[in-house]
Protein backbone atom coordinates (compact mmCIF):
# COMPACT_ATOMS: atom_id res chain seq x y z
CA MET A 1 51.96 -76.53 30.33
CA PHE A 2 49.69 -75.81 33.31
CA LEU A 3 48.50 -79.44 33.23
CA SER A 4 52.07 -80.74 33.46
CA THR A 5 53.22 -78.48 36.31
CA ALA A 6 49.96 -78.72 38.24
CA LEU A 7 49.80 -82.51 37.88
CA GLY A 8 53.30 -82.82 39.30
CA ALA A 9 52.41 -80.65 42.30
CA PHE A 10 49.10 -82.50 42.70
CA LEU A 11 50.83 -85.89 42.88
CA VAL A 12 53.20 -84.63 45.58
CA THR A 13 50.44 -83.41 47.88
CA ALA A 14 47.98 -86.21 47.11
CA ASN A 15 50.68 -88.70 48.02
CA VAL A 16 50.98 -87.14 51.49
CA SER A 17 47.30 -87.48 52.34
CA THR A 18 46.99 -90.91 50.70
CA MET A 19 49.47 -92.12 53.30
CA ASN A 20 46.97 -91.10 55.98
CA VAL A 21 44.31 -93.46 54.68
CA ALA A 22 46.90 -96.21 54.26
CA PHE A 23 48.01 -95.86 57.88
CA PRO A 24 45.59 -98.46 59.36
CA ASP A 25 46.68 -100.99 56.73
CA LEU A 26 50.32 -100.22 57.53
CA GLU A 27 49.63 -101.01 61.17
CA LYS A 28 48.33 -104.43 60.11
CA THR A 29 51.40 -105.08 57.95
CA PHE A 30 53.97 -104.00 60.54
CA VAL A 31 52.28 -105.30 63.68
CA ASP A 32 55.49 -105.20 65.73
CA THR A 33 56.05 -101.50 64.99
CA SER A 34 54.55 -98.90 67.35
CA ARG A 35 52.17 -96.24 66.08
CA GLY A 36 54.73 -93.59 67.00
CA ALA A 37 57.39 -95.31 64.91
CA LEU A 38 54.96 -95.66 62.00
CA THR A 39 54.58 -91.88 61.85
CA TRP A 40 58.06 -91.80 60.31
CA VAL A 41 56.51 -93.15 57.12
CA LEU A 42 54.70 -89.80 57.03
CA ASN A 43 57.35 -87.57 58.54
CA ALA A 44 60.34 -88.93 56.59
CA TYR A 45 58.66 -87.62 53.46
CA THR A 46 57.62 -84.22 54.82
CA ILE A 47 60.98 -83.56 56.48
CA ALA A 48 63.01 -84.32 53.34
CA PHE A 49 60.53 -82.35 51.27
CA ALA A 50 60.63 -79.29 53.51
CA ALA A 51 64.40 -79.23 54.06
CA LEU A 52 65.23 -79.53 50.36
CA LEU A 53 62.56 -77.28 48.86
CA ILE A 54 64.58 -74.07 48.85
CA PRO A 55 67.90 -75.69 47.82
CA ALA A 56 65.95 -77.45 45.05
CA GLY A 57 64.65 -74.09 43.89
CA ARG A 58 68.23 -72.82 43.76
CA LEU A 59 69.23 -75.89 41.74
CA ALA A 60 66.39 -75.16 39.32
CA ASP A 61 67.65 -71.60 38.84
CA ARG A 62 71.23 -72.79 38.30
CA PHE A 63 70.72 -75.89 36.14
CA GLY A 64 67.37 -75.10 34.49
CA ARG A 65 63.84 -75.41 35.86
CA ARG A 66 62.65 -77.81 33.19
CA ARG A 67 65.60 -80.15 33.76
CA VAL A 68 65.15 -80.19 37.54
CA PHE A 69 61.39 -80.68 37.15
CA VAL A 70 61.93 -83.76 34.98
CA ILE A 71 64.58 -85.15 37.35
CA GLY A 72 62.16 -84.67 40.22
CA LEU A 73 59.48 -86.62 38.38
CA ILE A 74 61.92 -89.48 37.73
CA VAL A 75 63.10 -89.65 41.36
CA PHE A 76 59.51 -89.47 42.59
CA ALA A 77 58.40 -92.26 40.24
CA PHE A 78 61.22 -94.68 41.04
CA SER A 79 61.02 -94.11 44.80
CA SER A 80 57.26 -94.74 44.63
CA VAL A 81 57.97 -98.16 43.16
CA LEU A 82 60.51 -98.79 45.91
CA VAL A 83 57.95 -97.92 48.61
CA GLY A 84 55.41 -100.30 47.10
CA ALA A 85 57.95 -103.13 46.78
CA ALA A 86 59.72 -102.55 50.11
CA PRO A 87 60.50 -105.83 51.94
CA ASN A 88 60.57 -104.27 55.42
CA PHE A 89 59.72 -101.16 57.40
CA SER A 90 63.20 -99.63 57.20
CA VAL A 91 63.12 -99.71 53.40
CA VAL A 92 59.67 -98.09 53.42
CA VAL A 93 61.01 -95.17 55.47
CA ALA A 94 64.13 -94.83 53.29
CA ALA A 95 62.04 -94.88 50.11
CA ARG A 96 59.67 -92.29 51.54
CA LEU A 97 62.71 -90.13 52.23
CA ALA A 98 63.68 -90.47 48.56
CA GLN A 99 60.12 -89.57 47.57
CA GLY A 100 60.49 -86.38 49.58
CA VAL A 101 63.64 -85.57 47.62
CA GLY A 102 61.79 -86.06 44.32
CA GLY A 103 58.86 -83.96 45.50
CA ALA A 104 61.21 -81.20 46.61
CA LEU A 105 62.92 -81.13 43.22
CA LEU A 106 59.77 -80.90 41.12
CA THR A 107 57.61 -78.57 43.26
CA PRO A 108 59.54 -75.26 43.12
CA ALA A 109 60.57 -75.98 39.54
CA SER A 110 56.91 -76.43 38.55
CA LEU A 111 55.89 -73.11 40.11
CA GLY A 112 58.91 -71.37 38.61
CA LEU A 113 58.03 -72.69 35.14
CA LEU A 114 54.48 -71.46 35.56
CA LEU A 115 55.39 -67.98 36.81
CA ALA A 116 57.95 -67.54 34.03
CA VAL A 117 55.15 -67.27 31.45
CA THR A 118 52.59 -65.48 33.66
CA PRO A 119 52.08 -61.69 33.40
CA ASP A 120 52.55 -59.77 36.65
CA SER A 121 48.88 -58.76 36.68
CA GLU A 122 47.79 -62.41 36.72
CA ARG A 123 50.36 -63.69 39.19
CA MET A 124 48.09 -63.96 42.24
CA THR A 125 45.30 -65.67 40.28
CA THR A 126 47.72 -68.14 38.70
CA VAL A 127 49.42 -69.01 41.99
CA ALA A 128 46.00 -69.40 43.60
CA LYS A 129 44.97 -71.86 40.86
CA TRP A 130 48.23 -73.77 41.33
CA GLY A 131 47.77 -73.68 45.10
CA SER A 132 44.17 -74.83 44.85
CA LEU A 133 45.30 -77.96 43.00
CA THR A 134 47.88 -78.72 45.67
CA ALA A 135 45.18 -78.28 48.33
CA LEU A 136 42.89 -80.48 46.24
CA GLY A 137 45.63 -83.10 46.22
CA VAL A 138 45.69 -83.07 50.03
CA ALA A 139 41.92 -83.41 50.16
CA THR A 140 41.53 -85.99 47.37
CA GLY A 141 44.17 -88.41 48.62
CA PRO A 142 42.04 -90.12 51.31
CA ALA A 143 39.01 -90.67 49.08
CA VAL A 144 40.91 -92.09 46.11
CA GLY A 145 43.56 -93.81 48.19
CA SER A 146 40.96 -95.63 50.29
CA LEU A 147 39.53 -97.34 47.22
CA ILE A 148 42.98 -98.54 46.21
CA VAL A 149 44.09 -99.57 49.70
CA ASN A 150 40.84 -101.38 50.48
CA SER A 151 40.95 -103.35 47.23
CA TYR A 152 44.66 -104.00 46.73
CA GLY A 153 46.52 -102.93 49.90
CA TRP A 154 48.62 -99.90 50.81
CA ARG A 155 51.47 -100.83 48.45
CA TRP A 156 49.37 -100.15 45.35
CA ALA A 157 48.73 -96.59 46.51
CA PHE A 158 52.37 -96.03 45.51
CA LEU A 159 52.75 -98.45 42.61
CA ILE A 160 50.16 -96.55 40.56
CA LEU A 161 52.03 -93.23 40.78
CA PRO A 162 54.70 -93.74 38.05
CA PRO A 163 52.18 -93.70 35.14
CA PHE A 164 50.89 -90.32 36.33
CA CYS A 165 54.46 -89.03 36.57
CA LEU A 166 54.90 -90.13 32.96
CA LEU A 167 51.70 -88.28 32.02
CA ALA A 168 52.99 -85.11 33.69
CA TYR A 169 56.18 -85.40 31.63
CA LEU A 170 54.46 -86.13 28.31
CA SER A 171 51.86 -83.36 28.72
CA GLY A 172 54.62 -80.79 29.15
CA LYS A 173 57.24 -82.26 26.83
CA ARG A 174 56.57 -79.70 24.09
CA THR A 175 55.13 -76.84 26.15
CA LEU A 176 57.36 -76.46 29.21
CA PRO A 177 59.57 -73.39 28.67
CA GLN A 178 63.33 -73.80 28.59
CA ASN A 179 65.45 -71.54 30.74
CA ALA A 180 69.17 -71.56 30.16
CA PRO A 181 71.29 -72.84 33.06
CA ASN A 182 72.86 -70.01 35.05
CA GLU A 183 76.39 -71.16 35.84
CA THR A 184 77.07 -67.99 37.83
CA ALA A 185 74.25 -68.69 40.27
CA PRO A 186 75.54 -69.87 43.67
CA LEU A 187 75.20 -73.50 44.65
CA PRO A 188 72.60 -74.11 47.37
CA ASP A 189 73.44 -74.57 51.02
CA ILE A 190 73.15 -78.36 51.26
CA VAL A 191 74.70 -78.42 54.74
CA GLY A 192 72.04 -75.99 55.89
CA ALA A 193 69.38 -78.24 54.41
CA VAL A 194 70.75 -81.21 56.34
CA LEU A 195 70.76 -79.14 59.53
CA LEU A 196 67.15 -78.09 58.92
CA ALA A 197 66.08 -81.68 58.27
CA SER A 198 67.85 -82.82 61.43
CA SER A 199 66.17 -80.10 63.44
CA MET A 200 62.73 -81.10 62.15
CA ALA A 201 63.40 -84.78 62.77
CA LEU A 202 64.53 -84.16 66.34
CA LEU A 203 61.51 -81.95 67.01
CA ALA A 204 59.12 -84.59 65.68
CA PHE A 205 60.90 -87.29 67.68
CA SER A 206 60.69 -85.27 70.90
CA ILE A 207 56.94 -84.73 70.44
CA VAL A 208 56.22 -88.38 69.60
CA GLN A 209 58.22 -89.56 72.62
CA VAL A 210 56.25 -87.44 75.08
CA GLY A 211 53.78 -90.32 75.40
CA PRO A 212 56.20 -93.11 76.37
CA TRP A 213 58.81 -90.91 78.10
CA GLY A 214 56.86 -87.94 79.55
CA TRP A 215 57.30 -84.16 79.15
CA THR A 216 59.85 -83.90 81.94
CA SER A 217 62.08 -86.76 80.78
CA LEU A 218 65.70 -85.99 79.96
CA GLY A 219 65.32 -87.63 76.55
CA VAL A 220 62.42 -85.41 75.45
CA GLN A 221 63.92 -82.19 76.80
CA SER A 222 67.42 -82.80 75.43
CA THR A 223 66.07 -83.78 72.01
CA PHE A 224 63.86 -80.69 71.86
CA PHE A 225 66.76 -78.48 72.94
CA ALA A 226 69.01 -80.01 70.27
CA SER A 227 66.32 -79.30 67.67
CA VAL A 228 66.18 -75.62 68.65
CA ILE A 229 69.98 -75.34 68.57
CA LEU A 230 70.19 -76.86 65.08
CA LEU A 231 67.45 -74.55 63.81
CA ALA A 232 69.29 -71.53 65.20
CA VAL A 233 72.53 -72.70 63.57
CA THR A 234 70.66 -73.09 60.26
CA PHE A 235 69.47 -69.48 60.48
CA LEU A 236 72.90 -68.14 61.44
CA LYS A 237 74.61 -70.13 58.69
CA GLY A 238 72.06 -68.84 56.20
CA ARG A 239 72.98 -65.24 56.94
CA ARG A 240 76.48 -65.87 55.58
CA HIS A 241 75.59 -68.05 52.59
CA GLN A 242 74.75 -66.72 49.14
CA ALA A 243 72.02 -69.35 48.63
CA PRO A 244 70.91 -70.34 52.14
CA ALA A 245 68.59 -73.19 53.07
CA ILE A 246 66.44 -70.57 54.84
CA PRO A 247 66.50 -67.18 53.03
CA THR A 248 66.59 -64.86 56.04
CA HIS A 249 66.36 -61.70 53.90
CA LEU A 250 62.78 -62.57 52.96
CA PHE A 251 61.68 -62.47 56.59
CA ARG A 252 61.52 -58.68 56.25
CA ILE A 253 58.35 -59.12 54.15
CA ARG A 254 55.39 -59.10 56.54
CA SER A 255 52.88 -60.65 54.15
CA LEU A 256 55.23 -63.60 53.57
CA ASN A 257 55.83 -64.06 57.31
CA MET A 258 52.16 -63.98 58.23
CA ALA A 259 51.15 -66.17 55.28
CA ASN A 260 53.78 -68.73 56.25
CA LEU A 261 52.62 -68.69 59.87
CA ALA A 262 49.00 -69.16 58.80
CA THR A 263 50.02 -71.92 56.39
CA GLY A 264 52.00 -73.73 59.08
CA LEU A 265 49.10 -73.59 61.54
CA GLN A 266 46.54 -74.72 58.98
CA SER A 267 48.79 -77.53 57.76
CA ALA A 268 49.38 -78.76 61.29
CA GLY A 269 45.63 -78.85 61.82
CA LEU A 270 44.77 -80.36 58.44
CA SER A 271 47.42 -83.09 58.54
CA ALA A 272 46.49 -84.02 62.10
CA SER A 273 42.78 -83.96 61.30
CA LEU A 274 43.09 -86.12 58.20
CA LEU A 275 44.99 -88.80 60.09
CA VAL A 276 42.92 -88.71 63.28
CA ASN A 277 39.69 -88.85 61.24
CA ILE A 278 40.79 -91.96 59.35
CA LEU A 279 41.92 -93.64 62.57
CA TRP A 280 38.62 -92.86 64.28
CA LEU A 281 36.41 -93.89 61.36
CA THR A 282 38.22 -97.20 60.89
CA GLN A 283 38.96 -98.09 64.49
CA GLY A 284 36.44 -96.07 66.50
CA TRP A 285 33.35 -96.50 64.34
CA GLY A 286 34.57 -99.70 62.68
CA TYR A 287 34.31 -98.45 59.09
CA SER A 288 36.23 -100.29 56.40
CA ILE A 289 39.04 -98.32 54.77
CA ARG A 290 36.88 -97.91 51.66
CA THR A 291 33.90 -96.62 53.64
CA ALA A 292 36.13 -94.28 55.66
CA GLY A 293 37.64 -92.90 52.48
CA LEU A 294 34.26 -92.34 50.89
CA ALA A 295 33.11 -90.67 54.10
CA THR A 296 35.77 -88.03 53.47
CA ALA A 297 34.78 -87.57 49.79
CA PRO A 298 32.56 -84.48 50.30
CA LEU A 299 35.61 -82.50 51.37
CA PRO A 300 37.57 -82.84 48.08
CA MET A 301 34.37 -82.48 46.03
CA PHE A 302 33.59 -79.18 47.71
CA VAL A 303 37.18 -77.97 47.36
CA ALA A 304 37.13 -78.87 43.66
CA CYS A 305 33.94 -76.86 43.11
CA MET A 306 35.16 -73.79 44.99
CA ALA A 307 38.78 -73.75 43.82
CA PRO A 308 38.21 -71.86 40.54
CA LEU A 309 36.43 -69.05 42.40
CA VAL A 310 38.81 -68.58 45.30
CA GLY A 311 41.63 -66.86 43.42
CA LYS A 312 39.27 -64.33 41.83
CA LEU A 313 37.57 -63.63 45.15
CA GLY A 314 40.93 -63.10 46.82
CA VAL A 315 42.00 -60.60 44.18
CA ARG A 316 38.70 -58.75 44.28
CA PHE A 317 37.96 -58.60 48.00
CA GLY A 318 41.34 -59.17 49.60
CA VAL A 319 42.88 -62.09 51.45
CA ARG A 320 41.51 -61.21 54.88
CA VAL A 321 37.89 -60.98 53.79
CA ILE A 322 38.01 -64.53 52.43
CA ALA A 323 40.59 -66.38 54.51
CA VAL A 324 39.74 -65.13 58.01
CA PRO A 325 36.15 -66.48 57.93
CA GLY A 326 37.52 -69.57 56.17
CA SER A 327 39.93 -70.22 59.02
CA PHE A 328 37.12 -69.97 61.56
CA SER A 329 35.01 -72.30 59.42
CA TRP A 330 37.82 -74.83 59.52
CA GLY A 331 38.11 -74.53 63.29
CA ALA A 332 34.34 -74.80 63.78
CA GLY A 333 34.13 -77.98 61.74
CA VAL A 334 36.84 -79.73 63.73
CA LEU A 335 35.31 -78.42 66.96
CA MET A 336 32.12 -80.27 66.06
CA TYR A 337 34.10 -83.53 66.03
CA ALA A 338 35.56 -82.69 69.42
CA LEU A 339 32.23 -81.82 71.03
CA PHE A 340 29.78 -84.29 69.54
CA VAL A 341 31.53 -87.45 68.26
CA THR A 342 30.71 -90.50 70.39
CA GLU A 343 31.23 -94.23 70.00
CA THR A 344 27.89 -94.36 68.17
CA PRO A 345 28.34 -93.65 64.43
CA ASN A 346 26.49 -90.55 63.20
CA TYR A 347 27.64 -89.71 59.71
CA TRP A 348 24.72 -87.79 58.22
CA GLY A 349 23.77 -85.79 61.29
CA LEU A 350 27.27 -84.93 62.51
CA TRP A 351 30.22 -86.02 60.41
CA LEU A 352 29.00 -84.69 57.06
CA PRO A 353 28.01 -81.18 58.31
CA ALA A 354 31.33 -80.88 60.15
CA SER A 355 33.23 -82.04 57.05
CA ILE A 356 31.52 -79.41 54.92
CA LEU A 357 32.65 -76.68 57.33
CA VAL A 358 36.19 -78.05 57.13
CA ALA A 359 35.97 -78.15 53.33
CA ILE A 360 34.92 -74.49 53.23
CA GLY A 361 37.92 -73.68 55.38
CA VAL A 362 40.37 -75.61 53.18
CA ALA A 363 39.02 -74.11 49.95
CA THR A 364 39.04 -70.51 51.18
CA THR A 365 42.42 -70.50 52.90
CA PHE A 366 45.14 -72.62 51.29
CA PRO A 367 44.97 -71.25 47.70
CA ILE A 368 44.84 -67.53 48.46
CA ILE A 369 47.21 -67.69 51.43
CA SER A 370 49.75 -69.34 49.11
CA ALA A 371 49.19 -66.51 46.66
CA ALA A 372 49.46 -63.87 49.38
CA ALA A 373 52.79 -65.34 50.46
CA VAL A 374 54.44 -64.23 47.20
CA SER A 375 52.35 -61.11 46.58
CA GLU A 376 55.17 -58.79 47.77
CA VAL A 377 58.15 -60.99 46.93
CA PRO A 378 60.51 -59.48 44.32
CA PRO A 379 60.38 -61.22 40.91
CA GLU A 380 63.88 -62.61 41.30
CA ASP A 381 62.78 -64.41 44.50
CA PHE A 382 59.47 -65.87 43.25
CA ALA A 383 60.61 -69.47 43.39
CA VAL A 384 62.33 -69.08 46.75
CA GLY A 385 59.37 -67.25 48.27
CA GLY A 386 56.94 -69.90 47.10
CA SER A 387 59.24 -72.62 48.40
CA LEU A 388 59.48 -70.93 51.79
CA ASN A 389 55.69 -71.06 52.03
CA GLN A 390 55.84 -74.78 51.23
CA VAL A 391 58.47 -75.25 53.95
CA GLY A 392 56.05 -73.70 56.44
CA ARG A 393 53.36 -76.09 55.25
CA GLN A 394 55.52 -79.19 55.66
CA PHE A 395 56.93 -78.02 58.99
CA GLY A 396 53.39 -77.58 60.28
CA SER A 397 52.39 -80.98 58.93
CA THR A 398 55.29 -82.69 60.68
CA ILE A 399 54.44 -81.09 64.03
CA GLY A 400 50.73 -81.81 63.58
CA VAL A 401 51.20 -85.53 62.92
CA ALA A 402 53.67 -85.93 65.79
CA ALA A 403 51.40 -84.08 68.22
CA LEU A 404 48.40 -86.12 67.11
CA ILE A 405 50.07 -89.44 67.90
CA THR A 406 51.13 -88.08 71.29
CA LEU A 407 47.55 -87.13 72.12
CA VAL A 408 45.82 -90.20 70.70
CA GLY A 409 48.37 -92.82 71.71
CA SER A 410 48.00 -96.38 70.46
CA GLY A 411 44.40 -97.04 71.49
CA VAL A 412 40.90 -96.00 70.42
CA ASP A 413 39.85 -94.04 73.52
CA VAL A 414 37.24 -91.49 72.46
CA ASP A 415 38.43 -89.03 75.12
CA ALA A 416 41.92 -89.06 73.62
CA PHE A 417 40.48 -88.37 70.18
CA HIS A 418 38.42 -85.50 71.63
CA LYS A 419 41.64 -83.94 72.98
CA ALA A 420 43.27 -84.26 69.58
CA TRP A 421 40.31 -82.61 67.87
CA PHE A 422 40.21 -79.76 70.42
CA VAL A 423 43.89 -79.00 69.82
CA THR A 424 43.40 -79.26 66.06
CA ALA A 425 40.38 -76.94 66.14
CA ALA A 426 42.50 -74.26 67.80
CA THR A 427 44.59 -73.93 64.65
CA GLY A 428 41.60 -72.29 62.93
CA PRO A 429 41.34 -69.07 64.98
CA LEU A 430 45.13 -68.92 65.39
CA ALA A 431 45.54 -69.03 61.61
CA ALA A 432 42.81 -66.39 61.25
CA LEU A 433 44.83 -64.09 63.52
CA ALA A 434 47.90 -64.55 61.34
CA VAL A 435 45.88 -63.91 58.16
CA PHE A 436 44.51 -60.69 59.66
CA PHE A 437 48.02 -59.23 59.68
CA ILE A 438 48.76 -60.06 56.04
CA ARG A 439 49.24 -56.80 54.14
CA GLU A 440 46.68 -56.53 51.36
CA PRO A 441 47.77 -55.78 47.76
CA THR A 442 47.69 -52.09 46.90
CA GLN A 443 45.29 -52.71 44.02
CA LYS A 444 42.21 -54.90 43.81
CA VAL A 445 40.15 -55.97 40.85
CA ASP A 446 36.73 -54.28 40.64
CA ASN A 447 35.02 -56.78 38.40
């Protein structure tokens, strides 16, 4: 059962980071489309995913987690084929939006299925293992995706996904637990989800347009203001709905708030860093997509080696002891890019050591922060609490990608890349500050 649920979550996150390595090839395919517009191939997915995560969790509770998980796999598989076969840019964006819907359906259902058969005493370790695989998906995407994109083009990075969706279904066909549909459970706030998605889209658009329009332009300021208004309306509407798109009652839990803030900051930095690194390696240092992907391989390898240990360490020593230094490690690694990268390639002396620091940060933060997010959530809100943490992750990713394109622009100016890395590096200490205020569990494991 763990293989089925974890593989589904892995595909969702790996798909996000694979798109980063496919970005240079996309630019070659859609030469008349600006780099800012191309970011919607990334952000269409993350926005749909984030906005629908919590309503999808409600649907899983009402109609059955197993059923919603399988539907999510089907939607994800078919939309992946549509992305790969898309005849034009508009269809690519629409199909990516559908992929986000599929990912949103299967992710909370997969975690809910897993927690349903997990004893309370093992909850943090289990969620950390599940979270480590999602983080591994983010880290593995560029390395594996680069081999596919370099050999067959960006379309095949999506056309190969359906067989793995089928594997996730078959591996859990006999082991995934059934939970009876709850017809008395309230229907989710779909209008609130649309408002949240619109708010995120407007925010991303306002950030991307800073470059061509300027900070003080009426277009940027009015779009940003509209985004804030829609977000406020989403919160206010949620206070009156039985199954809101944003569960405001959970914001009373400090550990969840701080974990979500840390997750959002780290995701903004990681998503921005993954994309800016691929752009620099391919266009700044002139690496092929395959070489650039392999250059990022140490990061997922290190995460894979450390992932099994992170959950146990978090339970034994506490979240702060592990994740605060990890956040600083992440920031230090990106800071090395900002300070020392020049037009002259220097992989072994600079890029690899910096990547290892980043890998330490990813491995020691994402899994246990995800676990900490639900450590104080009541059992009846497990799925919603976990989904809210995922919303924070996708919200941060959307902002990070949009801000990156604003800083880097459409060229390959090393100074612009340095600015992007400096801003990205700042997410490390900021996330560490948020982690510091996470309330530790009352009991820790002594062995």
